[in-house]
Protein backbone atom coordinates (compact mmCIF):
# COMPACT_ATOMS: atom_id res chain seq x y z
CA GLU A 1 0.02 0.03 -0.14
CA LYS A 2 2.29 2.47 0.51
CA LEU A 3 4.63 1.44 -2.36
CA ASP A 4 1.52 2.04 -4.46
CA SER A 5 0.81 5.84 -3.28
CA LEU A 6 4.44 6.50 -3.14
CA LEU A 7 4.65 5.54 -6.84
CA LYS A 8 1.73 8.06 -7.73
CA ASP A 9 3.39 10.46 -5.95
CA LYS A 10 6.26 11.88 -8.26
CA ALA A 11 7.53 14.19 -6.26
CA ALA A 12 7.67 11.95 -2.88
CA LEU A 13 9.27 9.32 -5.41
CA THR A 14 11.86 11.91 -6.61
CA LYS A 15 12.66 12.52 -3.19
CA VAL A 16 13.48 8.78 -1.90
CA LEU A 17 15.25 8.10 -5.10
CA THR A 18 17.69 11.28 -5.00
CA TYR A 19 18.24 10.75 -1.61
CA HIS A 20 20.40 7.51 -2.98
CA VAL A 21 22.62 9.48 -5.19
CA LEU A 22 25.38 11.42 -4.60
CA ASN A 23 26.74 13.72 -6.83
CA ARG A 24 30.45 12.11 -7.34
CA LYS A 25 31.83 8.62 -7.75
CA ILE A 26 32.87 6.86 -4.67
CA LEU A 27 34.51 3.50 -4.27
CA SER A 28 34.23 1.56 -1.25
CA ALA A 29 38.35 2.00 -0.59
CA GLU A 30 37.50 5.82 -0.66
CA LEU A 31 34.33 5.38 1.60
CA LYS A 32 34.85 6.62 5.76
CA THR A 33 33.00 7.43 8.78
CA GLU A 34 31.56 10.58 7.51
CA LYS A 35 28.34 12.56 6.34
CA LEU A 36 27.62 13.02 2.54
CA LYS A 37 25.48 15.18 0.81
CA THR A 38 22.57 13.47 -1.19
CA VAL A 39 21.41 14.79 -4.49
CA GLU A 40 18.21 15.08 -2.67
CA GLY A 41 19.90 17.77 -0.53
CA SER A 42 20.01 15.96 2.53
CA SER A 43 23.05 14.08 4.37
CA ILE A 44 23.19 10.64 4.90
CA SER A 45 25.52 8.82 7.65
CA ILE A 46 28.69 6.31 6.29
CA LYS A 47 29.62 4.17 9.31
CA LEU A 48 32.41 2.09 8.78
CA ASP A 49 32.76 -0.92 11.66
CA ASP A 50 34.43 -3.98 11.57
CA GLY A 51 34.83 -4.33 7.67
CA LYS A 52 31.20 -3.17 7.23
CA VAL A 53 29.47 -0.26 5.68
CA LYS A 54 26.16 1.09 6.84
CA VAL A 55 24.58 4.01 5.59
CA ASP A 56 22.19 5.73 8.07
CA LYS A 57 20.48 2.33 9.09
CA ALA A 58 20.99 0.05 5.90
CA GLN A 59 24.19 -2.03 5.17
CA VAL A 60 25.96 -2.24 1.73
CA THR A 61 25.63 -6.18 0.78
CA LYS A 62 27.47 -5.45 -2.71
CA PRO A 63 30.05 -2.88 -3.39
CA ASP A 64 31.61 -1.48 -6.38
CA MET A 65 29.06 -2.21 -8.99
CA MET A 66 30.75 0.05 -11.67
CA ALA A 67 28.11 1.39 -14.50
CA ASP A 68 28.53 3.85 -17.27
CA ASN A 69 27.69 6.99 -15.08
CA GLY A 70 29.07 6.12 -11.98
CA VAL A 71 29.30 3.09 -9.09
CA ILE A 72 26.31 1.28 -7.60
CA HIS A 73 26.72 0.00 -3.86
CA ALA A 74 23.60 -1.92 -3.17
CA ILE A 75 22.24 -1.74 -0.18
CA ASN A 76 19.80 -4.01 2.44
CA LYS A 77 16.91 -1.32 2.84
CA VAL A 78 15.46 1.66 1.31
CA LEU A 79 16.66 5.21 3.01
CA ILE A 80 13.91 7.82 3.69
CA SER A 81 15.38 11.18 4.32
CA LYS A 82 14.33 12.79 7.56
């Protein structure tokens, strides 16, 4: 039900999707515990803990998937801006 309403609200969907995007390419080896600004405008928290990378409350499950226009780091949860 939440997904259906999100898909119908283009502005809300854009906000969620752009919260998952940074304006620069960052490989996993470059990541450190810090806050990074998303394309949406809010910041996400990056935390390195015992070899694992957390993005807000999500965990990176597959890092460094190269794409034509950047790099993708798969995570195990959808991020919602605060």
